[in-house]
């Protein structure tokens, strides 16, 4: 659906035509920051990042920023690249990103599910992709999901004897899967991954990258099947004119040059290379060049709770298998509660192609720009009720903030990375930014600057969805 593969010989930037190359990276979150950083490590050509708000302040800021390495190939190796890069960044940070190991505990109140968890842990123990046995999935989780990592099954009656989790209500639990490699990224004043995005952008700026904050890209100009420029405007304006113009461009022939927005505040920037790294805004932006991105967007309400007194210990992330409610102890005195509804058209995106690793397999939010940033009353009641049931001390916590995160789901769970059918237009699409953004940036930079197709090319290329040369 999304495009074909154009190497340097077909007009994609490469060493021979580097003097003509300029890159416009749309999106200043963790994915766009990674793309800009990796490009700047491989080329001296002008690179500009356009962010509609503040860098790292949109989807990236709303994430719980949990990171860990496990699962089947190619996702395991892509995540491992990210861990290696984050080790380098945290070894000598420019800004103030922080990491705290916590572990991940998926709990169940159902004895049958607990028995299934035990079988999966045994099947995955010490196995890799080549030798992991076939297994029956438990609402999306199978043995392959647990490969390349440690996944221990803990019976409910043994939880307090094997794990230090004082506030957890083990009396209602039949068992749990414990995965110790996982932890959280945050900053001094942020609970999400925004500080990590800013760390990458600071390093990119040291390499000469320009970052344009509060600047929205409203459209892509094409001529004769390739990118020639973008439209930008100061962020915060009303959407009426932009929506009208975007719709006109999306239905026009991509072989015909599109004109500038008639709005006097719109600026046309000439560029031969545009990278869509704008998370939920990618489909609308790519559509202005006639490219369809086969993704769905899903909503995940988040509730920030402040504890009456700081915890004197570190809790793992706790995910309720039955309710899809997650408890994320981000700080000693701050807990995020997430909820990924399974019904009424809501769900939660992931990078495994297995929906319940991050939530449910509910319906999609087709247009994230129309969704409310305020959770529904029913979502709030369900999330807090289950959180208090699993960790009773949360009943005395104070709800200080809430928002709705927007996730991205691709058809096969893998990122969509690389050139499209429109020459000069590339995609950097992933539903697991904190986990996979480093690898996405590296793959794309190698392709665009050096013409290199990495070992993961077939797994992430937009061409795997192509069924029409115009899409």
Protein backbone atom coordinates (compact mmCIF):
# COMPACT_ATOMS: atom_id res chain seq x y z
CA UNK A 1 0.00 0.00 0.00
CA UNK A 2 2.73 2.42 0.87
CA UNK A 3 5.35 2.44 -1.82
CA UNK A 4 8.20 0.75 -3.60
CA UNK A 5 11.95 0.53 -3.13
CA UNK A 6 14.02 3.23 -4.78
CA UNK A 7 17.77 2.93 -4.37
CA UNK A 8 20.30 5.64 -5.17
CA UNK A 9 20.21 4.68 -8.83
CA UNK A 10 16.53 5.66 -8.99
CA UNK A 11 17.07 9.11 -7.57
CA UNK A 12 17.25 8.42 -3.85
CA UNK A 13 20.07 10.32 -2.17
CA UNK A 14 23.41 8.60 -2.07
CA UNK A 15 27.12 9.44 -2.08
CA UNK A 16 27.15 10.47 -5.75
CA UNK A 17 24.51 13.20 -5.38
CA UNK A 18 25.08 14.24 -1.78
CA UNK A 19 25.63 17.86 -2.82
CA UNK A 20 21.96 18.06 -3.78
CA UNK A 21 20.66 16.44 -0.60
CA UNK A 22 18.82 18.35 2.12
CA UNK A 23 16.66 16.58 4.70
CA UNK A 24 13.42 17.77 6.29
CA UNK A 25 12.57 15.56 9.28
CA UNK A 26 8.95 16.07 10.33
CA UNK A 27 8.53 15.33 14.03
CA UNK A 28 10.73 16.16 17.00
CA UNK A 29 9.77 13.24 19.21
CA UNK A 30 11.96 10.23 19.91
CA UNK A 31 11.70 8.87 16.35
CA UNK A 32 12.40 12.16 14.57
CA UNK A 33 15.23 12.90 16.99
CA UNK A 34 16.81 9.53 16.24
CA UNK A 35 16.47 10.03 12.49
CA UNK A 36 18.09 13.47 12.70
CA UNK A 37 20.91 12.21 14.92
CA UNK A 38 21.74 9.26 12.70
CA UNK A 39 21.57 11.33 9.53
CA UNK A 40 23.90 13.92 11.07
CA UNK A 41 26.41 11.18 11.89
CA UNK A 42 26.60 10.19 8.21
CA UNK A 43 26.29 13.42 6.22
CA UNK A 44 27.23 17.10 6.42
CA UNK A 45 24.27 18.14 4.27
CA UNK A 46 21.64 20.46 5.82
CA UNK A 47 19.14 18.70 8.09
CA UNK A 48 16.16 20.44 9.68
CA UNK A 49 13.75 18.98 12.22
CA UNK A 50 10.25 20.48 12.27
CA UNK A 51 8.28 20.03 15.49
CA UNK A 52 4.74 21.36 15.91
CA UNK A 53 5.30 21.84 19.66
CA UNK A 54 8.36 21.46 21.83
CA UNK A 55 10.79 18.60 21.09
CA UNK A 56 9.68 15.45 22.82
CA UNK A 57 6.52 17.16 24.02
CA UNK A 58 3.76 15.29 22.19
CA UNK A 59 3.37 11.50 21.85
CA UNK A 60 6.82 10.85 23.30
CA UNK A 61 6.01 12.80 26.47
CA UNK A 62 2.79 10.84 26.98
CA UNK A 63 4.43 7.42 26.86
CA UNK A 64 5.28 5.40 29.96
CA UNK A 65 8.80 5.03 28.50
CA UNK A 66 9.37 1.41 29.48
CA UNK A 67 12.24 -0.26 27.68
CA UNK A 68 13.58 -3.79 27.53
CA UNK A 69 14.86 -6.38 25.09
CA UNK A 70 12.95 -9.58 24.31
CA UNK A 71 10.80 -11.15 21.62
CA UNK A 72 11.32 -12.68 18.19
CA UNK A 73 13.51 -11.43 15.38
CA UNK A 74 13.78 -8.95 13.83
CA UNK A 75 12.35 -6.95 16.72
CA UNK A 76 14.81 -8.37 19.22
CA UNK A 77 17.87 -7.17 17.33
CA UNK A 78 16.26 -3.80 16.59
CA UNK A 79 15.60 -3.33 20.30
CA UNK A 80 19.11 -4.49 21.16
CA UNK A 81 20.53 -1.75 18.94
CA UNK A 82 18.50 0.76 20.94
CA UNK A 83 19.83 -0.56 24.24
CA UNK A 84 23.39 -0.25 22.96
CA UNK A 85 22.81 3.34 21.86
CA UNK A 86 21.09 4.30 25.12
CA UNK A 87 24.03 2.85 27.04
CA UNK A 88 26.28 5.25 25.14
CA UNK A 89 23.98 8.22 25.71
CA UNK A 90 23.57 7.60 29.43
CA UNK A 91 27.29 7.02 29.88
CA UNK A 92 27.97 10.68 29.05
CA UNK A 93 24.65 12.58 28.80
CA UNK A 94 24.33 16.08 27.39
CA UNK A 95 20.92 16.71 28.99
CA UNK A 96 19.41 14.81 31.92
CA UNK A 97 17.91 11.47 30.86
CA UNK A 98 17.59 8.88 33.62
CA UNK A 99 17.09 5.14 33.66
CA UNK A 100 15.75 2.99 36.48
CA UNK A 101 15.60 -0.79 36.31
CA UNK A 102 12.28 -2.12 37.57
CA UNK A 103 11.27 -5.35 35.88
CA UNK A 104 7.89 -6.28 34.50
CA UNK A 105 5.25 -8.39 36.23
CA UNK A 106 2.23 -9.62 34.28
CA UNK A 107 -0.30 -10.92 36.78
CA UNK A 108 -3.46 -12.97 36.48
CA UNK A 109 -6.37 -13.78 38.74
CA UNK A 110 -7.39 -16.73 36.54
CA UNK A 111 -5.94 -20.19 37.39
CA UNK A 112 -6.22 -21.36 33.78
CA UNK A 113 -4.26 -18.34 32.53
CA UNK A 114 -1.69 -18.92 35.26
CA UNK A 115 -1.22 -22.51 34.05
CA UNK A 116 -0.78 -21.18 30.53
CA UNK A 117 1.84 -18.69 31.72
CA UNK A 118 3.77 -21.55 33.32
CA UNK A 119 3.77 -23.53 30.06
CA UNK A 120 4.92 -20.53 28.02
CA UNK A 121 7.79 -19.75 30.37
CA UNK A 122 9.02 -23.35 30.13
CA UNK A 123 8.67 -23.39 26.33
CA UNK A 124 10.63 -20.13 25.93
CA UNK A 125 13.37 -20.84 28.50
CA UNK A 126 16.80 -20.61 26.90
CA UNK A 127 15.34 -20.71 23.38
CA UNK A 128 15.88 -18.47 20.36
CA UNK A 129 13.89 -17.96 17.17
CA UNK A 130 15.32 -21.07 15.52
CA UNK A 131 14.38 -23.53 18.23
CA UNK A 132 11.44 -22.08 20.10
CA UNK A 133 8.58 -24.60 19.95
CA UNK A 134 5.13 -23.82 18.71
CA UNK A 135 2.84 -22.87 21.57
CA UNK A 136 -0.75 -21.93 22.16
CA UNK A 137 -1.11 -18.19 22.50
CA UNK A 138 -2.79 -16.83 25.61
CA UNK A 139 -4.71 -13.83 24.31
CA UNK A 140 -1.76 -12.89 22.11
CA UNK A 141 1.26 -13.96 24.18
CA UNK A 142 3.10 -17.02 22.91
CA UNK A 143 6.52 -18.54 23.56
CA UNK A 144 8.12 -16.49 20.77
CA UNK A 145 7.11 -13.32 22.60
CA UNK A 146 9.28 -14.37 25.53
CA UNK A 147 12.40 -15.46 23.61
CA UNK A 148 15.76 -13.68 23.88
CA UNK A 149 15.08 -12.77 27.48
CA UNK A 150 14.25 -14.05 30.93
CA UNK A 151 10.63 -14.92 31.66
CA UNK A 152 10.04 -16.69 34.96
CA UNK A 153 6.67 -17.98 36.04
CA UNK A 154 5.86 -17.28 39.70
CA UNK A 155 2.86 -19.09 41.24
CA UNK A 156 0.51 -16.83 43.16
CA UNK A 157 1.28 -18.42 46.52
CA UNK A 158 5.03 -17.86 45.97
CA UNK A 159 4.97 -14.21 44.89
CA UNK A 160 5.73 -12.75 48.32
CA UNK A 161 8.38 -15.40 48.90
CA UNK A 162 10.28 -14.74 45.67
CA UNK A 163 9.70 -11.06 44.84
CA UNK A 164 9.99 -7.96 47.03
CA UNK A 165 6.59 -6.41 46.29
CA UNK A 166 5.18 -5.38 49.71
CA UNK A 167 2.05 -3.51 48.55
CA UNK A 168 0.86 -6.05 45.97
CA UNK A 169 -2.35 -7.87 46.87
CA UNK A 170 -1.09 -11.41 46.28
CA UNK A 171 -4.23 -12.94 47.78
CA UNK A 172 -6.13 -12.41 44.52
CA UNK A 173 -3.30 -13.56 42.22
CA UNK A 174 -3.00 -17.02 40.70
CA UNK A 175 0.38 -16.39 39.12
CA UNK A 176 2.62 -14.00 37.22
CA UNK A 177 5.22 -13.78 34.47
CA UNK A 178 8.26 -11.88 35.70
CA UNK A 179 10.64 -10.29 33.19
CA UNK A 180 13.58 -8.58 34.93
CA UNK A 181 15.26 -6.82 31.97
CA UNK A 182 12.72 -4.02 31.72
CA UNK A 183 13.04 -0.53 33.16
CA UNK A 184 12.01 3.11 32.74
CA UNK A 185 13.49 6.19 31.08
CA UNK A 186 12.57 9.63 32.39
CA UNK A 187 14.08 13.04 33.21
CA UNK A 188 14.39 15.37 36.16
CA UNK A 189 11.03 16.98 35.48
CA UNK A 190 9.41 14.53 33.07
CA UNK A 191 7.86 11.10 33.47
CA UNK A 192 8.08 10.09 29.81
CA UNK A 193 10.84 9.76 27.23
CA UNK A 194 10.96 13.44 26.28
CA UNK A 195 14.36 13.93 27.87
CA UNK A 196 15.78 11.12 25.77
CA UNK A 197 14.47 12.75 22.60
CA UNK A 198 16.09 16.02 23.64
CA UNK A 199 19.36 14.20 24.33
CA UNK A 200 19.42 12.90 20.75
CA UNK A 201 18.47 16.31 19.36
CA UNK A 202 21.23 18.07 21.33
CA UNK A 203 23.77 15.69 19.85
CA UNK A 204 22.27 16.21 16.41
CA UNK A 205 22.53 19.98 16.83
CA UNK A 206 26.19 19.59 17.74
CA UNK A 207 26.52 17.96 14.31
CA UNK A 208 24.86 20.95 12.62
CA UNK A 209 21.18 19.96 12.63
CA UNK A 210 18.62 22.80 12.86
CA UNK A 211 15.55 22.31 15.03
CA UNK A 212 12.45 24.39 14.27
CA UNK A 213 10.10 24.19 17.27
CA UNK A 214 6.48 25.43 17.22
CA UNK A 215 6.50 24.85 13.47
CA UNK A 216 3.88 22.65 11.85
CA UNK A 217 4.39 20.99 8.47
CA UNK A 218 1.01 21.14 6.71
CA UNK A 219 1.84 19.54 3.39
CA UNK A 220 4.37 18.07 1.02
CA UNK A 221 4.95 19.47 -2.47
CA UNK A 222 5.72 17.06 -5.31
CA UNK A 223 6.54 17.42 -9.00
CA UNK A 224 6.90 14.61 -11.53
CA UNK A 225 6.75 11.98 -8.86
CA UNK A 226 9.26 13.36 -6.40
CA UNK A 227 9.41 15.71 -3.42
CA UNK A 228 10.29 19.34 -4.12
CA UNK A 229 9.31 21.04 -0.86
CA UNK A 230 7.12 21.31 2.21
CA UNK A 231 4.66 23.82 3.60
CA UNK A 232 5.12 25.06 7.16
CA UNK A 233 3.32 27.47 9.41
CA UNK A 234 3.56 28.62 13.01
CA UNK A 235 1.88 26.06 15.25
CA UNK A 236 -1.33 26.86 17.09
CA UNK A 237 -3.33 28.24 14.17
CA UNK A 238 -6.84 26.98 13.41
CA UNK A 239 -7.04 23.89 11.24
CA UNK A 240 -9.70 24.99 8.74
CA UNK A 241 -7.50 26.25 5.91
CA UNK A 242 -4.88 23.54 6.39
CA UNK A 243 -7.46 20.76 6.29
CA UNK A 244 -8.99 22.15 3.12
CA UNK A 245 -5.66 22.54 1.36
CA UNK A 246 -4.41 19.13 2.53
CA UNK A 247 -7.54 17.48 1.16
CA UNK A 248 -7.07 19.13 -2.21
CA UNK A 249 -3.45 18.03 -2.38
CA UNK A 250 -4.26 14.47 -1.34
CA UNK A 251 -6.69 14.04 -4.26
CA UNK A 252 -4.46 15.67 -6.88
CA UNK A 253 -2.13 13.87 -9.29
CA UNK A 254 1.20 13.40 -7.51
CA UNK A 255 2.92 13.94 -10.85
CA UNK A 256 1.67 17.52 -10.91
CA UNK A 257 3.40 20.19 -8.90
CA UNK A 258 1.26 21.40 -6.03
CA UNK A 259 1.17 25.08 -5.31
CA UNK A 260 1.77 26.86 -2.00
CA UNK A 261 -0.93 27.24 0.61
CA UNK A 262 -2.91 30.40 -0.03
CA UNK A 263 -2.71 31.22 3.68
CA UNK A 264 -0.29 34.16 4.00
CA UNK A 265 1.34 32.71 7.14
CA UNK A 266 2.38 29.53 5.32
CA UNK A 267 6.00 29.23 4.27
CA UNK A 268 7.20 26.98 1.45
CA UNK A 269 10.55 25.34 2.11
CA UNK A 270 12.38 23.75 -0.81
CA UNK A 271 13.75 20.31 -0.07
CA UNK A 272 14.29 17.12 -1.98
CA UNK A 273 13.94 14.77 0.99
CA UNK A 274 11.16 14.56 3.56
CA UNK A 275 11.06 12.00 6.38
CA UNK A 276 7.67 11.44 8.03
CA UNK A 277 8.52 10.83 11.70
CA UNK A 278 5.48 12.53 13.23
CA UNK A 279 3.79 9.60 14.95
CA UNK A 280 -0.01 9.83 14.73
CA UNK A 281 0.29 12.72 12.26
CA UNK A 282 2.22 10.66 9.69
CA UNK A 283 -0.77 9.37 7.68
CA UNK A 284 -2.26 12.83 7.16
CA UNK A 285 1.08 14.29 6.14
CA UNK A 286 1.96 11.47 3.74
CA UNK A 287 -1.51 11.72 2.18
CA UNK A 288 -0.70 15.21 0.94
CA UNK A 289 1.85 13.52 -1.36
CA UNK A 290 -0.55 10.75 -2.35
CA UNK A 291 0.94 8.07 -0.08
CA UNK A 292 -1.18 5.89 2.19
CA UNK A 293 0.38 4.46 5.36
CA UNK A 294 -1.34 1.23 6.49
CA UNK A 295 -1.55 1.96 10.21
CA UNK A 296 -4.20 2.26 12.88
CA UNK A 297 -4.09 4.57 15.87
CA UNK A 298 -5.25 3.48 19.27
CA UNK A 299 -5.92 5.36 22.46
CA UNK A 300 -4.53 4.54 25.90
CA UNK A 301 -5.69 6.64 28.87
CA UNK A 302 -3.04 7.40 31.50
CA UNK A 303 -3.64 8.53 35.10
CA UNK A 304 -0.90 10.10 37.23
CA UNK A 305 -1.16 9.36 40.96
CA UNK A 306 0.85 11.03 43.72
CA UNK A 307 1.47 8.89 46.78
CA UNK A 308 1.02 10.26 50.30
CA UNK A 309 4.52 9.10 51.16
CA UNK A 310 7.39 7.87 48.94
CA UNK A 311 7.89 4.14 48.61
CA UNK A 312 11.09 2.88 50.30
CA UNK A 313 11.54 0.27 47.54
CA UNK A 314 11.36 -0.12 43.76
CA UNK A 315 8.31 -1.88 42.37
CA UNK A 316 8.20 -3.58 38.96
CA UNK A 317 5.73 -2.52 36.35
CA UNK A 318 2.55 -4.52 37.06
CA UNK A 319 0.14 -5.40 34.25
CA UNK A 320 -3.21 -7.03 34.92
CA UNK A 321 -3.86 -9.65 32.26
CA UNK A 322 -7.61 -9.62 32.80
CA UNK A 323 -8.22 -5.89 32.82
CA UNK A 324 -5.36 -4.49 30.67
CA UNK A 325 -4.65 -2.03 33.50
CA UNK A 326 -0.97 -1.29 34.06
CA UNK A 327 0.74 0.17 37.15
CA UNK A 328 3.98 2.02 36.41
CA UNK A 329 5.93 3.24 39.48
CA UNK A 330 7.83 6.01 37.74
CA UNK A 331 9.21 7.55 40.93
CA UNK A 332 9.13 6.83 44.63
CA UNK A 333 6.12 9.12 45.01
CA UNK A 334 4.56 8.95 41.53
CA UNK A 335 2.70 6.13 39.81
CA UNK A 336 1.20 6.10 36.32
CA UNK A 337 -1.84 3.90 35.78
CA UNK A 338 -2.57 2.94 32.18
CA UNK A 339 -5.67 1.38 30.72
CA UNK A 340 -6.12 -0.05 27.24
CA UNK A 341 -9.85 -0.67 26.77
CA UNK A 342 -10.81 -3.86 24.99
CA UNK A 343 -14.23 -2.78 23.79
CA UNK A 344 -16.14 0.13 22.25
CA UNK A 345 -13.58 0.75 19.53
CA UNK A 346 -10.50 1.31 21.66
CA UNK A 347 -7.27 -0.61 21.85
CA UNK A 348 -3.54 -0.28 22.34
CA UNK A 349 -0.70 -0.50 19.84
CA UNK A 350 2.42 -2.60 20.09
CA UNK A 351 5.41 -3.79 18.20
CA UNK A 352 4.95 -7.54 18.52
CA UNK A 353 1.94 -7.94 16.30
CA UNK A 354 0.50 -9.48 19.47
CA UNK A 355 -1.92 -7.01 20.84
CA UNK A 356 -2.02 -7.90 24.48
CA UNK A 357 1.68 -7.44 25.14
CA UNK A 358 0.68 -3.81 25.50
CA UNK A 359 -3.05 -4.16 25.88
CA UNK A 360 -5.98 -5.30 23.87
CA UNK A 361 -6.85 -5.95 20.29
CA UNK A 362 -9.61 -3.41 20.18
CA UNK A 363 -10.66 -1.17 17.33
CA UNK A 364 -8.73 1.75 16.00
CA UNK A 365 -8.95 5.49 16.34
CA UNK A 366 -8.96 6.48 12.70
CA UNK A 367 -8.18 10.16 13.12
CA UNK A 368 -6.14 10.89 16.27
CA UNK A 369 -6.43 14.64 15.77
CA UNK A 370 -10.15 14.42 16.52
CA UNK A 371 -9.78 12.44 19.74
CA UNK A 372 -10.08 13.99 23.17
CA UNK A 373 -7.05 14.19 25.45
CA UNK A 374 -9.37 13.59 28.43
CA UNK A 375 -10.10 9.98 29.47
CA UNK A 376 -13.71 8.89 29.70
CA UNK A 377 -15.35 8.55 33.10
CA UNK A 378 -15.78 4.80 32.63
CA UNK A 379 -12.11 4.42 31.74
CA UNK A 380 -11.06 6.34 34.83
CA UNK A 381 -13.28 4.25 37.10
CA UNK A 382 -12.05 0.96 35.63
CA UNK A 383 -8.38 1.92 35.71
CA UNK A 384 -8.38 3.19 39.28
CA UNK A 385 -10.56 0.35 40.58
CA UNK A 386 -8.22 -2.30 39.22
CA UNK A 387 -5.11 -0.39 40.32
CA UNK A 388 -6.45 -0.23 43.88
CA UNK A 389 -7.41 -3.89 43.77
CA UNK A 390 -3.90 -4.95 42.78
CA UNK A 391 -2.05 -2.41 44.96
CA UNK A 392 -4.41 -1.32 47.76
CA UNK A 393 -2.26 1.59 48.96
CA UNK A 394 -3.14 3.39 45.70
CA UNK A 395 -6.62 3.99 47.16
CA UNK A 396 -5.10 6.81 49.22
CA UNK A 397 -3.13 8.32 46.32
CA UNK A 398 -4.13 11.65 44.73
CA UNK A 399 -5.01 11.86 41.05
CA UNK A 400 -2.92 14.80 39.85
CA UNK A 401 -3.10 14.53 36.07
CA UNK A 402 -4.52 12.44 33.25
CA UNK A 403 -4.23 12.26 29.50
CA UNK A 404 -4.79 9.98 26.51
CA UNK A 405 -1.77 8.51 24.77
CA UNK A 406 -2.02 7.62 21.08
CA UNK A 407 -0.31 4.49 19.83
CA UNK A 408 0.39 3.28 16.30
CA UNK A 409 -0.24 -0.25 15.02
CA UNK A 410 1.18 -1.60 11.76
CA UNK A 411 -0.39 -4.66 10.10
CA UNK A 412 2.46 -7.02 11.04
CA UNK A 413 3.72 -5.26 14.16
CA UNK A 414 7.07 -4.24 12.64
CA UNK A 415 8.13 -0.64 11.86
CA UNK A 416 7.63 0.86 8.41
CA UNK A 417 10.96 2.42 7.45
CA UNK A 418 12.34 3.57 4.12
CA UNK A 419 11.59 5.28 0.79
CA UNK A 420 8.12 5.31 -0.74
CA UNK A 421 6.84 5.43 -4.32
CA UNK A 422 7.28 9.22 -4.22
CA UNK A 423 10.99 9.82 -4.66
CA UNK A 424 12.45 11.75 -1.76
CA UNK A 425 9.61 10.85 0.64
CA UNK A 426 10.53 8.34 3.33
CA UNK A 427 8.69 6.88 6.31
CA UNK A 428 9.90 6.43 9.88
CA UNK A 429 6.84 4.78 11.42
CA UNK A 430 6.82 2.70 14.59
CA UNK A 431 4.38 2.08 17.40
CA UNK A 432 7.14 1.57 19.95
CA UNK A 433 9.17 4.76 19.82
CA UNK A 434 11.28 4.37 22.93
CA UNK A 435 12.10 0.77 22.01
CA UNK A 436 12.72 1.01 18.28
CA UNK A 437 13.48 4.65 17.44
CA UNK A 438 17.28 4.16 17.54
CA UNK A 439 17.18 1.30 15.01
CA UNK A 440 14.66 3.16 12.83
CA UNK A 441 17.03 6.15 12.64
CA UNK A 442 20.03 3.99 11.87
CA UNK A 443 18.29 1.97 9.14
CA UNK A 444 16.92 5.07 7.45
CA UNK A 445 20.18 7.05 7.60
CA UNK A 446 22.14 4.19 6.06
CA UNK A 447 19.59 3.87 3.28
CA UNK A 448 19.24 7.55 2.45
CA UNK A 449 22.88 8.61 2.76
CA UNK A 450 24.79 5.48 1.73
CA UNK A 451 22.18 3.58 -0.27
CA UNK A 452 22.70 0.65 2.12
CA UNK A 453 19.97 -1.91 2.62
CA UNK A 454 20.53 -3.39 6.08
CA UNK A 455 19.84 -6.98 7.06
CA UNK A 456 16.44 -5.86 8.34
CA UNK A 457 15.39 -4.24 5.07
CA UNK A 458 12.75 -6.79 4.05
CA UNK A 459 11.14 -6.73 7.51
CA UNK A 460 10.66 -2.95 7.65
CA UNK A 461 10.47 -1.67 4.05
CA UNK A 462 7.25 0.13 3.04
CA UNK A 463 7.30 -1.96 -0.13
CA UNK A 464 6.08 -5.04 1.77
CA UNK A 465 2.61 -3.49 1.76
CA UNK A 466 2.66 -2.23 -1.82
CA UNK A 467 -0.27 -3.36 -3.95
CA UNK A 468 -0.49 -0.23 -6.08
CA UNK A 469 2.42 1.83 -7.44
CA UNK A 470 0.67 5.02 -6.37
CA UNK A 471 0.33 3.94 -2.70
